[in-house]
Amino acid sequence: MYDTSEHFKSDTVLQNERNIVLAAVKSSRYAPAKRKSATEAIKNTKKSTVVAAVLGSLIGNKSPFQILNSSILGIEKKLAVQKVKTDKEIEEEKKNRASKELEKKFSTIRESSVFSVPIKDAAMDTLSKCNLPNQRVEVLLRLIQRKNEEEIKDTLKMRGLNRSLTEKERALVSDRLEEAELGSDHMSAALNMVGNASTKAEVETILVKSIGWLNVVNGADVERFLEVIDESNLITIEKKTYARQWIKKTDTKNRLLTMLQALLRWQIRPLHWVGIAYEEVFQNKPMKVFSTDVIKATLAAIKECNSPSDAKTAAKNAVGSARHEADLIAILNHLLEGAERYSTT
């Protein structure tokens, strides 16, 4: 046929390029009907990609009808020389892909309400450098045990970590997992799964799931909240009744924090504001964990509440020292309870 690659210089066909292609089509040995269809399609387009698609159909010995309709195939294609990527660009792409996969696999760490940002960063950075499940299991266990940043990073210096999951190893994992602040049901489930695991890779998956469960409101959270509601003299009996019902529906620490914010703001509002409060707690989309928006919402609740000014000042200062949402929950519990001292330790 005819090599058109040396003639097409852009996405738009020049007139001299079109003439060369048309001449090649007309002088070819294909059936007259096919040459006619190809000629008509080429004359009616300005796109070089369409011309290429038409010629492809002609060379492929397609029917006249298929040749005419082949122009559709070239509409979305781009005629461009593929840029050759440098080794540096290829390596950068690999790193970006690996980073995205890591973030997805261990998203429960990033979404945690109980770990500080520096701890999360240390854990994710260390996990990115681990090559084997036994190393990652050790990192996750140290995270669950609330080790500091350096202790988490030191996992990479450890030697002799057992790659197999022996009965002794399984027992050690279970002992360390019991230090997690999980609800009784989740703790029982996690320990049962560890007991049935046969590899370190399975244990790794269980620990990732367990870290996600740390965000769930547990028995201690509920007990503390009910204690606050009972002790508080800053909200009415009717509002306390609603609060005791709402805690039964509160599933995550993030939602618990939102409820505390709503209760503080409800202090200076009438009882019929209950509908708005309920919507804020249970129907609005949760904010990103420990984000700027969460901090702003917490400070706004403190500012709007009916607590004494010195208590509000102390709470505001404590928010500045908060490391994660669990700290914010503790601060607002103190404020709602009417406590005079605030601490994030």
C-alpha atoms as a PDB file:
ATOM      1  CA  MET A   1       0.000   0.000   0.000  1.00  0.00           C
ATOM      2  CA  TYR A   2       1.705   3.240   1.122  1.00  0.00           C
ATOM      3  CA  ASP A   3       3.683   4.277   4.208  1.00  0.00           C
ATOM      4  CA  THR A   4       1.851   7.343   5.513  1.00  0.00           C
ATOM      5  CA  SER A   5       3.997   7.799   8.637  1.00  0.00           C
ATOM      6  CA  GLU A   6       6.473  10.030   6.833  1.00  0.00           C
ATOM      7  CA  HIS A   7       3.698  12.352   5.646  1.00  0.00           C
ATOM      8  CA  PHE A   8       1.520  12.897   8.741  1.00  0.00           C
ATOM      9  CA  LYS A   9       3.204  15.643  10.727  1.00  0.00           C
ATOM     10  CA  SER A  10       0.329  16.556  13.033  1.00  0.00           C
ATOM     11  CA  ASP A  11      -3.227  15.635  13.995  1.00  0.00           C
ATOM     12  CA  THR A  12      -4.523  17.673  11.051  1.00  0.00           C
ATOM     13  CA  VAL A  13      -4.006  16.362   7.509  1.00  0.00           C
ATOM     14  CA  LEU A  14      -2.437  18.879   5.118  1.00  0.00           C
ATOM     15  CA  GLN A  15      -3.781  19.070   1.603  1.00  0.00           C
ATOM     16  CA  ASN A  16      -0.617  17.712   0.002  1.00  0.00           C
ATOM     17  CA  GLU A  17      -0.638  14.804   2.456  1.00  0.00           C
ATOM     18  CA  ARG A  18      -4.270  14.063   1.596  1.00  0.00           C
ATOM     19  CA  ASN A  19      -3.465  14.103  -2.129  1.00  0.00           C
ATOM     20  CA  ILE A  20      -0.622  11.627  -1.695  1.00  0.00           C
ATOM     21  CA  VAL A  21      -2.833   9.248   0.305  1.00  0.00           C
ATOM     22  CA  LEU A  22      -5.737   9.540  -2.130  1.00  0.00           C
ATOM     23  CA  ALA A  23      -3.446   8.815  -5.034  1.00  0.00           C
ATOM     24  CA  ALA A  24      -2.153   5.721  -3.260  1.00  0.00           C
ATOM     25  CA  VAL A  25      -5.690   4.502  -2.590  1.00  0.00           C
ATOM     26  CA  LYS A  26      -6.866   5.078  -6.160  1.00  0.00           C
ATOM     27  CA  SER A  27      -3.854   3.262  -7.641  1.00  0.00           C
ATOM     28  CA  SER A  28      -4.155   0.293  -5.268  1.00  0.00           C
ATOM     29  CA  ARG A  29      -5.470  -3.116  -6.342  1.00  0.00           C
ATOM     30  CA  TYR A  30      -8.362  -3.253  -3.891  1.00  0.00           C
ATOM     31  CA  ALA A  31     -11.912  -3.694  -5.172  1.00  0.00           C
ATOM     32  CA  PRO A  32     -13.419  -0.518  -6.709  1.00  0.00           C
ATOM     33  CA  ALA A  33     -16.170  -0.347  -4.068  1.00  0.00           C
ATOM     34  CA  LYS A  34     -13.613  -0.486  -1.284  1.00  0.00           C
ATOM     35  CA  ARG A  35     -11.401   2.154  -2.946  1.00  0.00           C
ATOM     36  CA  LYS A  36     -14.462   4.377  -3.363  1.00  0.00           C
ATOM     37  CA  SER A  37     -15.444   4.022   0.331  1.00  0.00           C
ATOM     38  CA  ALA A  38     -11.900   4.772   1.483  1.00  0.00           C
ATOM     39  CA  THR A  39     -11.620   7.788  -0.831  1.00  0.00           C
ATOM     40  CA  GLU A  40     -14.940   9.213   0.367  1.00  0.00           C
ATOM     41  CA  ALA A  41     -13.996   8.767   4.047  1.00  0.00           C
ATOM     42  CA  ILE A  42     -10.562  10.383   3.562  1.00  0.00           C
ATOM     43  CA  LYS A  43     -12.010  13.348   1.672  1.00  0.00           C
ATOM     44  CA  ASN A  44     -14.488  14.035   4.472  1.00  0.00           C
ATOM     45  CA  THR A  45     -12.021  14.299   7.349  1.00  0.00           C
ATOM     46  CA  LYS A  46      -9.270  16.620   8.434  1.00  0.00           C
ATOM     47  CA  LYS A  47      -7.897  14.344  11.127  1.00  0.00           C
ATOM     48  CA  SER A  48      -4.839  12.256  10.379  1.00  0.00           C
ATOM     49  CA  THR A  49      -5.962   9.678  12.958  1.00  0.00           C
ATOM     50  CA  VAL A  50      -9.175   9.114  10.973  1.00  0.00           C
ATOM     51  CA  VAL A  51      -7.207   8.697   7.754  1.00  0.00           C
ATOM     52  CA  ALA A  52      -5.005   6.129   9.493  1.00  0.00           C
ATOM     53  CA  ALA A  53      -8.082   4.223  10.697  1.00  0.00           C
ATOM     54  CA  VAL A  54      -9.588   4.199   7.188  1.00  0.00           C
ATOM     55  CA  LEU A  55      -6.358   2.933   5.646  1.00  0.00           C
ATOM     56  CA  GLY A  56      -6.129   0.265   8.314  1.00  0.00           C
ATOM     57  CA  SER A  57      -9.573  -1.016   7.404  1.00  0.00           C
ATOM     58  CA  LEU A  58      -8.757  -0.953   3.709  1.00  0.00           C
ATOM     59  CA  ILE A  59      -5.528  -2.863   4.192  1.00  0.00           C
ATOM     60  CA  GLY A  60      -7.381  -5.279   6.479  1.00  0.00           C
ATOM     61  CA  ASN A  61      -9.683  -6.042   3.553  1.00  0.00           C
ATOM     62  CA  LYS A  62     -12.808  -4.889   5.376  1.00  0.00           C
ATOM     63  CA  SER A  63     -16.121  -4.382   3.602  1.00  0.00           C
ATOM     64  CA  PRO A  64     -16.958  -0.982   2.036  1.00  0.00           C
ATOM     65  CA  PHE A  65     -19.424  -0.341   4.854  1.00  0.00           C
ATOM     66  CA  GLN A  66     -16.785  -1.153   7.503  1.00  0.00           C
ATOM     67  CA  ILE A  67     -14.271   1.100   5.755  1.00  0.00           C
ATOM     68  CA  LEU A  68     -16.699   4.030   5.840  1.00  0.00           C
ATOM     69  CA  ASN A  69     -17.443   3.471   9.519  1.00  0.00           C
ATOM     70  CA  SER A  70     -13.834   2.904  10.485  1.00  0.00           C
ATOM     71  CA  SER A  71     -13.391   6.665  10.676  1.00  0.00           C
ATOM     72  CA  ILE A  72     -15.083   6.478  14.077  1.00  0.00           C
ATOM     73  CA  LEU A  73     -12.161   4.441  15.387  1.00  0.00           C
ATOM     74  CA  GLY A  74      -9.725   7.245  14.715  1.00  0.00           C
ATOM     75  CA  ILE A  75     -11.645  10.109  16.250  1.00  0.00           C
ATOM     76  CA  GLU A  76     -10.395   9.685  19.812  1.00  0.00           C
ATOM     77  CA  LYS A  77      -6.855   8.619  18.951  1.00  0.00           C
ATOM     78  CA  LYS A  78      -3.913  10.999  19.085  1.00  0.00           C
ATOM     79  CA  LEU A  79      -1.118  11.012  16.567  1.00  0.00           C
ATOM     80  CA  ALA A  80       1.920  11.691  18.658  1.00  0.00           C
ATOM     81  CA  VAL A  81       5.377  10.364  19.166  1.00  0.00           C
ATOM     82  CA  GLN A  82       5.449   8.489  22.467  1.00  0.00           C
ATOM     83  CA  LYS A  83       7.704  10.206  24.933  1.00  0.00           C
ATOM     84  CA  VAL A  84      10.436   7.935  26.167  1.00  0.00           C
ATOM     85  CA  LYS A  85      10.539   8.033  29.962  1.00  0.00           C
ATOM     86  CA  THR A  86      13.854   8.426  31.732  1.00  0.00           C
ATOM     87  CA  ASP A  87      15.069   5.943  34.324  1.00  0.00           C
ATOM     88  CA  LYS A  88      14.434   8.587  36.966  1.00  0.00           C
ATOM     89  CA  GLU A  89      10.807   9.044  35.832  1.00  0.00           C
ATOM     90  CA  ILE A  90      10.218   5.291  35.758  1.00  0.00           C
ATOM     91  CA  GLU A  91      11.658   4.916  39.248  1.00  0.00           C
ATOM     92  CA  GLU A  92       9.517   7.803  40.499  1.00  0.00           C
ATOM     93  CA  GLU A  93       6.381   6.164  39.080  1.00  0.00           C
ATOM     94  CA  LYS A  94       7.254   2.895  40.811  1.00  0.00           C
ATOM     95  CA  LYS A  95       7.705   4.710  44.114  1.00  0.00           C
ATOM     96  CA  ASN A  96       4.382   6.522  43.719  1.00  0.00           C
ATOM     97  CA  ARG A  97       2.565   3.262  42.945  1.00  0.00           C
ATOM     98  CA  ALA A  98       4.160   1.550  45.923  1.00  0.00           C
ATOM     99  CA  SER A  99       3.239   4.482  48.160  1.00  0.00           C
ATOM    100  CA  LYS A 100      -0.407   4.393  47.046  1.00  0.00           C
ATOM    101  CA  GLU A 101      -0.600   0.642  47.600  1.00  0.00           C
ATOM    102  CA  LEU A 102       0.896   1.034  51.081  1.00  0.00           C
ATOM    103  CA  GLU A 103      -1.558   3.796  52.013  1.00  0.00           C
ATOM    104  CA  LYS A 104      -4.461   1.663  50.812  1.00  0.00           C
ATOM    105  CA  LYS A 105      -3.321  -1.484  52.609  1.00  0.00           C
ATOM    106  CA  PHE A 106      -2.741   0.295  55.923  1.00  0.00           C
ATOM    107  CA  SER A 107      -5.477   2.926  55.626  1.00  0.00           C
ATOM    108  CA  THR A 108      -6.748   2.003  59.117  1.00  0.00           C
ATOM    109  CA  ILE A 109      -3.585   3.560  60.538  1.00  0.00           C
ATOM    110  CA  ARG A 110      -4.118   6.872  58.761  1.00  0.00           C
ATOM    111  CA  GLU A 111      -7.802   6.889  59.746  1.00  0.00           C
ATOM    112  CA  SER A 112      -7.123   6.114  63.398  1.00  0.00           C
ATOM    113  CA  SER A 113      -8.580   8.363  66.098  1.00  0.00           C
ATOM    114  CA  VAL A 114      -6.135   7.168  68.745  1.00  0.00           C
ATOM    115  CA  PHE A 115      -2.674   7.624  67.174  1.00  0.00           C
ATOM    116  CA  SER A 116      -0.895  10.940  66.738  1.00  0.00           C
ATOM    117  CA  VAL A 117       0.238  12.115  63.309  1.00  0.00           C
ATOM    118  CA  PRO A 118       3.968  11.619  64.134  1.00  0.00           C
ATOM    119  CA  ILE A 119       3.242   8.054  65.298  1.00  0.00           C
ATOM    120  CA  LYS A 120       1.252   7.343  62.133  1.00  0.00           C
ATOM    121  CA  ASP A 121       4.058   8.752  59.988  1.00  0.00           C
ATOM    122  CA  ALA A 122       6.672   6.680  61.804  1.00  0.00           C
ATOM    123  CA  ALA A 123       4.608   3.514  61.398  1.00  0.00           C
ATOM    124  CA  MET A 124       3.907   4.076  57.699  1.00  0.00           C
ATOM    125  CA  ASP A 125       7.517   4.966  56.939  1.00  0.00           C
ATOM    126  CA  THR A 126       8.756   1.865  58.758  1.00  0.00           C
ATOM    127  CA  LEU A 127       6.198  -0.380  57.070  1.00  0.00           C
ATOM    128  CA  SER A 128       7.309   0.932  53.662  1.00  0.00           C
ATOM    129  CA  LYS A 129      10.802  -0.390  54.397  1.00  0.00           C
ATOM    130  CA  CYS A 130       9.704  -3.814  55.615  1.00  0.00           C
ATOM    131  CA  ASN A 131      10.102  -6.638  53.118  1.00  0.00           C
ATOM    132  CA  LEU A 132       8.514  -9.494  55.039  1.00  0.00           C
ATOM    133  CA  PRO A 133       5.273 -10.105  56.977  1.00  0.00           C
ATOM    134  CA  ASN A 134       7.178 -10.894  60.189  1.00  0.00           C
ATOM    135  CA  GLN A 135       8.659  -7.382  60.179  1.00  0.00           C
ATOM    136  CA  ARG A 136       5.307  -5.762  59.462  1.00  0.00           C
ATOM    137  CA  VAL A 137       3.675  -7.786  62.245  1.00  0.00           C
ATOM    138  CA  GLU A 138       6.249  -6.435  64.693  1.00  0.00           C
ATOM    139  CA  VAL A 139       5.603  -2.842  63.571  1.00  0.00           C
ATOM    140  CA  LEU A 140       1.840  -3.268  63.955  1.00  0.00           C
ATOM    141  CA  LEU A 141       2.182  -4.833  67.392  1.00  0.00           C
ATOM    142  CA  ARG A 142       4.383  -1.972  68.577  1.00  0.00           C
ATOM    143  CA  LEU A 143       1.817   0.461  67.231  1.00  0.00           C
ATOM    144  CA  ILE A 144      -0.984  -1.324  69.090  1.00  0.00           C
ATOM    145  CA  GLN A 145       1.125  -1.319  72.258  1.00  0.00           C
ATOM    146  CA  ARG A 146       1.475   2.480  71.953  1.00  0.00           C
ATOM    147  CA  LYS A 147       5.242   2.446  71.546  1.00  0.00           C
ATOM    148  CA  ASN A 148       6.910   5.759  70.697  1.00  0.00           C
ATOM    149  CA  GLU A 149       8.237   6.767  67.284  1.00  0.00           C
ATOM    150  CA  GLU A 150      11.791   5.588  67.860  1.00  0.00           C
ATOM    151  CA  GLU A 151      10.661   2.226  69.203  1.00  0.00           C
ATOM    152  CA  ILE A 152       8.544   1.717  66.097  1.00  0.00           C
ATOM    153  CA  LYS A 153      11.417   2.664  63.781  1.00  0.00           C
ATOM    154  CA  ASP A 154      13.790   0.363  65.669  1.00  0.00           C
ATOM    155  CA  THR A 155      11.863  -2.603  64.264  1.00  0.00           C
ATOM    156  CA  LEU A 156      14.110  -2.368  61.205  1.00  0.00           C
ATOM    157  CA  LYS A 157      17.156  -3.016  63.384  1.00  0.00           C
ATOM    158  CA  MET A 158      15.777  -6.224  64.819  1.00  0.00           C
ATOM    159  CA  ARG A 159      17.363  -9.474  63.741  1.00  0.00           C
ATOM    160  CA  GLY A 160      16.113 -13.024  64.062  1.00  0.00           C
ATOM    161  CA  LEU A 161      12.396 -12.294  63.765  1.00  0.00           C
ATOM    162  CA  ASN A 162      10.736 -15.665  63.275  1.00  0.00           C
ATOM    163  CA  ARG A 163       9.235 -15.992  59.806  1.00  0.00           C
ATOM    164  CA  SER A 164       7.022 -18.923  60.707  1.00  0.00           C
ATOM    165  CA  LEU A 165       4.067 -18.785  63.080  1.00  0.00           C
ATOM    166  CA  THR A 166       4.827 -21.278  65.814  1.00  0.00           C
ATOM    167  CA  GLU A 167       2.521 -21.985  68.733  1.00  0.00           C
ATOM    168  CA  LYS A 168       4.824 -19.927  70.941  1.00  0.00           C
ATOM    169  CA  GLU A 169       4.767 -17.031  68.469  1.00  0.00           C
ATOM    170  CA  ARG A 170       0.983 -17.170  68.305  1.00  0.00           C
ATOM    171  CA  ALA A 171       0.771 -16.951  72.095  1.00  0.00           C
ATOM    172  CA  LEU A 172       3.171 -13.984  72.188  1.00  0.00           C
ATOM    173  CA  VAL A 173       1.141 -12.133  69.566  1.00  0.00           C
ATOM    174  CA  SER A 174      -2.048 -12.760  71.540  1.00  0.00           C
ATOM    175  CA  ASP A 175      -0.444 -11.488  74.776  1.00  0.00           C
ATOM    176  CA  ARG A 176       0.666  -8.270  73.110  1.00  0.00           C
ATOM    177  CA  LEU A 177      -2.646  -7.824  71.302  1.00  0.00           C
ATOM    178  CA  GLU A 178      -4.464  -7.916  74.638  1.00  0.00           C
ATOM    179  CA  GLU A 179      -2.860  -4.543  75.435  1.00  0.00           C
ATOM    180  CA  ALA A 180      -5.047  -2.935  72.759  1.00  0.00           C
ATOM    181  CA  GLU A 181      -7.973  -0.824  73.951  1.00  0.00           C
ATOM    182  CA  LEU A 182     -10.549  -2.894  72.118  1.00  0.00           C
ATOM    183  CA  GLY A 183     -14.108  -3.624  73.086  1.00  0.00           C
ATOM    184  CA  SER A 184     -14.657  -7.107  74.503  1.00  0.00           C
ATOM    185  CA  ASP A 185     -16.341  -8.427  71.342  1.00  0.00           C
ATOM    186  CA  HIS A 186     -13.595  -7.170  69.048  1.00  0.00           C
ATOM    187  CA  MET A 187     -10.869  -8.385  71.388  1.00  0.00           C
ATOM    188  CA  SER A 188     -12.430 -11.839  71.486  1.00  0.00           C
ATOM    189  CA  ALA A 189     -12.721 -11.905  67.694  1.00  0.00           C
ATOM    190  CA  ALA A 190      -9.130 -10.760  67.191  1.00  0.00           C
ATOM    191  CA  LEU A 191      -7.689 -13.322  69.601  1.00  0.00           C
ATOM    192  CA  ASN A 192      -9.779 -16.074  68.046  1.00  0.00           C
ATOM    193  CA  MET A 193      -8.500 -15.184  64.563  1.00  0.00           C
ATOM    194  CA  VAL A 194      -4.898 -15.140  65.778  1.00  0.00           C
ATOM    195  CA  GLY A 195      -5.463 -18.543  67.359  1.00  0.00           C
ATOM    196  CA  ASN A 196      -6.608 -19.914  63.999  1.00  0.00           C
ATOM    197  CA  ALA A 197      -3.949 -18.185  61.893  1.00  0.00           C
ATOM    198  CA  SER A 198      -1.312 -20.329  60.207  1.00  0.00           C
ATOM    199  CA  THR A 199       1.057 -17.670  58.799  1.00  0.00           C
ATOM    200  CA  LYS A 200       2.519 -14.298  59.748  1.00  0.00           C
ATOM    201  CA  ALA A 201       0.809 -12.829  56.690  1.00  0.00           C
ATOM    202  CA  GLU A 202      -2.572 -13.812  58.165  1.00  0.00           C
ATOM    203  CA  VAL A 203      -1.596 -12.249  61.498  1.00  0.00           C
ATOM    204  CA  GLU A 204      -0.642  -9.069  59.676  1.00  0.00           C
ATOM    205  CA  THR A 205      -4.134  -8.853  58.177  1.00  0.00           C
ATOM    206  CA  ILE A 206      -5.713  -9.480  61.595  1.00  0.00           C
ATOM    207  CA  LEU A 207      -3.665  -6.706  63.213  1.00  0.00           C
ATOM    208  CA  VAL A 208      -4.610  -4.229  60.482  1.00  0.00           C
ATOM    209  CA  LYS A 209      -8.274  -5.050  61.120  1.00  0.00           C
ATOM    210  CA  SER A 210      -7.739  -4.719  64.882  1.00  0.00           C
ATOM    211  CA  ILE A 211      -6.231  -1.260  64.441  1.00  0.00           C
ATOM    212  CA  GLY A 212      -9.404  -0.275  62.592  1.00  0.00           C
ATOM    213  CA  TRP A 213     -11.439  -1.549  65.538  1.00  0.00           C
ATOM    214  CA  LEU A 214      -9.621   0.874  67.833  1.00  0.00           C
ATOM    215  CA  ASN A 215     -11.810   3.588  66.281  1.00  0.00           C
ATOM    216  CA  VAL A 216     -14.957   1.864  67.508  1.00  0.00           C
ATOM    217  CA  VAL A 217     -16.584   3.150  70.690  1.00  0.00           C
ATOM    218  CA  ASN A 218     -15.881   0.585  73.413  1.00  0.00           C
ATOM    219  CA  GLY A 219     -17.315  -0.119  76.834  1.00  0.00           C
ATOM    220  CA  ALA A 220     -14.902   2.244  78.572  1.00  0.00           C
ATOM    221  CA  ASP A 221     -15.918   5.080  76.215  1.00  0.00           C
ATOM    222  CA  VAL A 222     -19.598   4.514  76.956  1.00  0.00           C
ATOM    223  CA  GLU A 223     -19.012   4.251  80.699  1.00  0.00           C
ATOM    224  CA  ARG A 224     -17.048   7.510  80.752  1.00  0.00           C
ATOM    225  CA  PHE A 225     -19.676   9.324  78.685  1.00  0.00           C
ATOM    226  CA  LEU A 226     -22.538   8.202  80.924  1.00  0.00           C
ATOM    227  CA  GLU A 227     -20.526   9.271  83.965  1.00  0.00           C
ATOM    228  CA  VAL A 228     -20.100  12.727  82.406  1.00  0.00           C
ATOM    229  CA  ILE A 229     -23.805  13.010  81.630  1.00  0.00           C
ATOM    230  CA  ASP A 230     -24.735  11.980  85.188  1.00  0.00           C
ATOM    231  CA  GLU A 231     -22.315  14.457  86.780  1.00  0.00           C
ATOM    232  CA  SER A 232     -22.926  17.414  84.488  1.00  0.00           C
ATOM    233  CA  ASN A 233     -24.995  20.318  85.744  1.00  0.00           C
ATOM    234  CA  LEU A 234     -24.607  22.157  82.436  1.00  0.00           C
ATOM    235  CA  ILE A 235     -27.364  20.382  80.510  1.00  0.00           C
ATOM    236  CA  THR A 236     -30.991  19.786  81.442  1.00  0.00           C
ATOM    237  CA  ILE A 237     -32.537  16.483  82.462  1.00  0.00           C
ATOM    238  CA  GLU A 238     -34.429  16.287  79.161  1.00  0.00           C
ATOM    239  CA  LYS A 239     -31.230  16.736  77.151  1.00  0.00           C
ATOM    240  CA  LYS A 240     -29.479  14.132  79.291  1.00  0.00           C
ATOM    241  CA  THR A 241     -32.215  11.662  78.344  1.00  0.00           C
ATOM    242  CA  TYR A 242     -31.492  12.212  74.664  1.00  0.00           C
ATOM    243  CA  ALA A 243     -27.735  11.884  75.265  1.00  0.00           C
ATOM    244  CA  ARG A 244     -28.163   8.531  77.026  1.00  0.00           C
ATOM    245  CA  GLN A 245     -30.150   7.247  74.049  1.00  0.00           C
ATOM    246  CA  TRP A 246     -27.709   8.610  71.475  1.00  0.00           C
ATOM    247  CA  ILE A 247     -24.659   6.938  72.977  1.00  0.00           C
ATOM    248  CA  LYS A 248     -26.306   3.586  72.197  1.00  0.00           C
ATOM    249  CA  LYS A 249     -26.202   4.490  68.477  1.00  0.00           C
ATOM    250  CA  THR A 250     -22.742   6.030  68.502  1.00  0.00           C
ATOM    251  CA  ASP A 251     -20.415   3.611  66.729  1.00  0.00           C
ATOM    252  CA  THR A 252     -17.082   5.409  66.259  1.00  0.00           C
ATOM    253  CA  LYS A 253     -14.919   7.731  68.298  1.00  0.00           C
ATOM    254  CA  ASN A 254     -15.222  10.301  65.530  1.00  0.00           C
ATOM    255  CA  ARG A 255     -18.999  10.287  65.967  1.00  0.00           C
ATOM    256  CA  LEU A 256     -18.614  10.393  69.760  1.00  0.00           C
ATOM    257  CA  LEU A 257     -16.540  13.549  69.384  1.00  0.00           C
ATOM    258  CA  THR A 258     -19.210  15.053  67.129  1.00  0.00           C
ATOM    259  CA  MET A 259     -21.881  14.234  69.723  1.00  0.00           C
ATOM    260  CA  LEU A 260     -19.906  15.940  72.480  1.00  0.00           C
ATOM    261  CA  GLN A 261     -19.519  19.013  70.279  1.00  0.00           C
ATOM    262  CA  ALA A 262     -23.272  19.044  69.613  1.00  0.00           C
ATOM    263  CA  LEU A 263     -24.139  18.644  73.308  1.00  0.00           C
ATOM    264  CA  LEU A 264     -21.899  21.556  74.257  1.00  0.00           C
ATOM    265  CA  ARG A 265     -23.483  23.773  71.620  1.00  0.00           C
ATOM    266  CA  TRP A 266     -26.942  22.597  72.698  1.00  0.00           C
ATOM    267  CA  GLN A 267     -26.380  23.988  76.204  1.00  0.00           C
ATOM    268  CA  ILE A 268     -27.406  27.517  75.209  1.00  0.00           C
ATOM    269  CA  ARG A 269     -30.153  26.408  72.830  1.00  0.00           C
ATOM    270  CA  PRO A 270     -33.754  25.330  73.524  1.00  0.00           C
ATOM    271  CA  LEU A 271     -34.833  21.711  73.755  1.00  0.00           C
ATOM    272  CA  HIS A 272     -36.435  21.730  70.296  1.00  0.00           C
ATOM    273  CA  TRP A 273     -32.945  22.214  68.774  1.00  0.00           C
ATOM    274  CA  VAL A 274     -32.712  18.449  69.284  1.00  0.00           C
ATOM    275  CA  GLY A 275     -33.470  17.787  65.610  1.00  0.00           C
ATOM    276  CA  ILE A 276     -30.487  19.832  64.432  1.00  0.00           C
ATOM    277  CA  ALA A 277     -28.238  18.237  67.044  1.00  0.00           C
ATOM    278  CA  TYR A 278     -29.312  14.757  65.964  1.00  0.00           C
ATOM    279  CA  GLU A 279     -28.697  15.573  62.311  1.00  0.00           C
ATOM    280  CA  GLU A 280     -25.209  16.869  63.063  1.00  0.00           C
ATOM    281  CA  VAL A 281     -24.312  13.700  64.950  1.00  0.00           C
ATOM    282  CA  PHE A 282     -25.890  10.951  62.891  1.00  0.00           C
ATOM    283  CA  GLN A 283     -26.658  12.284  59.416  1.00  0.00           C
ATOM    284  CA  ASN A 284     -23.836  14.617  58.463  1.00  0.00           C
ATOM    285  CA  LYS A 285     -20.800  13.127  56.745  1.00  0.00           C
ATOM    286  CA  PRO A 286     -17.970  12.596  59.272  1.00  0.00           C
ATOM    287  CA  MET A 287     -15.000  14.916  58.927  1.00  0.00           C
ATOM    288  CA  LYS A 288     -11.533  13.609  58.163  1.00  0.00           C
ATOM    289  CA  VAL A 289      -9.887  12.306  61.323  1.00  0.00           C
ATOM    290  CA  PHE A 290      -8.061  14.983  63.354  1.00  0.00           C
ATOM    291  CA  SER A 291      -8.232  17.398  60.432  1.00  0.00           C
ATOM    292  CA  THR A 292      -8.224  21.183  60.627  1.00  0.00           C
ATOM    293  CA  ASP A 293     -12.016  21.053  60.325  1.00  0.00           C
ATOM    294  CA  VAL A 294     -12.244  18.773  63.373  1.00  0.00           C
ATOM    295  CA  ILE A 295     -10.073  21.145  65.416  1.00  0.00           C
ATOM    296  CA  LYS A 296     -12.148  24.146  64.292  1.00  0.00           C
ATOM    297  CA  ALA A 297     -15.412  22.376  65.158  1.00  0.00           C
ATOM    298  CA  THR A 298     -14.059  21.479  68.604  1.00  0.00           C
ATOM    299  CA  LEU A 299     -12.945  25.049  69.321  1.00  0.00           C
ATOM    300  CA  ALA A 300     -16.287  26.378  68.066  1.00  0.00           C
ATOM    301  CA  ALA A 301     -18.163  24.062  70.435  1.00  0.00           C
ATOM    302  CA  ILE A 302     -16.016  25.242  73.337  1.00  0.00           C
ATOM    303  CA  LYS A 303     -16.637  28.870  72.421  1.00  0.00           C
ATOM    304  CA  GLU A 304     -20.413  28.412  72.141  1.00  0.00           C
ATOM    305  CA  CYS A 305     -20.985  26.316  75.246  1.00  0.00           C
ATOM    306  CA  ASN A 306     -22.346  27.595  78.542  1.00  0.00           C
ATOM    307  CA  SER A 307     -19.360  26.641  80.695  1.00  0.00           C
ATOM    308  CA  PRO A 308     -17.530  29.230  82.824  1.00  0.00           C
ATOM    309  CA  SER A 309     -15.049  31.360  80.880  1.00  0.00           C
ATOM    310  CA  ASP A 310     -12.008  30.032  82.783  1.00  0.00           C
ATOM    311  CA  ALA A 311     -13.054  26.450  82.012  1.00  0.00           C
ATOM    312  CA  LYS A 312     -13.482  27.333  78.341  1.00  0.00           C
ATOM    313  CA  THR A 313     -10.043  28.929  78.255  1.00  0.00           C
ATOM    314  CA  ALA A 314      -8.466  25.869  79.859  1.00  0.00           C
ATOM    315  CA  ALA A 315     -10.215  23.587  77.366  1.00  0.00           C
ATOM    316  CA  LYS A 316      -9.122  25.735  74.433  1.00  0.00           C
ATOM    317  CA  ASN A 317      -5.508  25.606  75.603  1.00  0.00           C
ATOM    318  CA  ALA A 318      -5.745  21.837  76.030  1.00  0.00           C
ATOM    319  CA  VAL A 319      -6.920  21.455  72.430  1.00  0.00           C
ATOM    320  CA  GLY A 320      -3.634  23.044  71.356  1.00  0.00           C
ATOM    321  CA  SER A 321      -1.783  20.152  73.027  1.00  0.00           C
ATOM    322  CA  ALA A 322      -4.054  17.400  71.715  1.00  0.00           C
ATOM    323  CA  ARG A 323      -2.336  14.654  69.727  1.00  0.00           C
ATOM    324  CA  HIS A 324      -5.377  12.864  68.332  1.00  0.00           C
ATOM    325  CA  GLU A 325      -9.170  12.708  68.525  1.00  0.00           C
ATOM    326  CA  ALA A 326      -9.130  10.602  71.675  1.00  0.00           C
ATOM    327  CA  ASP A 327      -7.501  13.596  73.396  1.00  0.00           C
ATOM    328  CA  LEU A 328     -10.236  15.903  72.075  1.00  0.00           C
ATOM    329  CA  ILE A 329     -12.891  13.541  73.423  1.00  0.00           C
ATOM    330  CA  ALA A 330     -11.245  13.585  76.847  1.00  0.00           C
ATOM    331  CA  ILE A 331     -11.121  17.396  76.826  1.00  0.00           C
ATOM    332  CA  LEU A 332     -14.788  17.803  75.900  1.00  0.00           C
ATOM    333  CA  ASN A 333     -15.818  15.170  78.434  1.00  0.00           C
ATOM    334  CA  HIS A 334     -14.069  17.224  81.125  1.00  0.00           C
ATOM    335  CA  LEU A 335     -15.720  20.416  79.936  1.00  0.00           C
ATOM    336  CA  LEU A 336     -19.207  18.931  79.743  1.00  0.00           C
ATOM    337  CA  GLU A 337     -18.755  17.305  83.140  1.00  0.00           C
ATOM    338  CA  GLY A 338     -17.782  20.636  84.662  1.00  0.00           C
ATOM    339  CA  ALA A 339     -14.213  19.611  85.597  1.00  0.00           C
ATOM    340  CA  GLU A 340     -11.735  22.394  86.267  1.00  0.00           C
ATOM    341  CA  ARG A 341      -8.557  20.689  85.061  1.00  0.00           C
ATOM    342  CA  TYR A 342      -7.722  19.486  81.582  1.00  0.00           C
ATOM    343  CA  SER A 343      -5.065  17.071  80.475  1.00  0.00           C
ATOM    344  CA  THR A 344      -4.179  15.119  77.321  1.00  0.00           C
ATOM    345  CA  THR A 345      -1.859  12.741  79.124  1.00  0.00           C
END
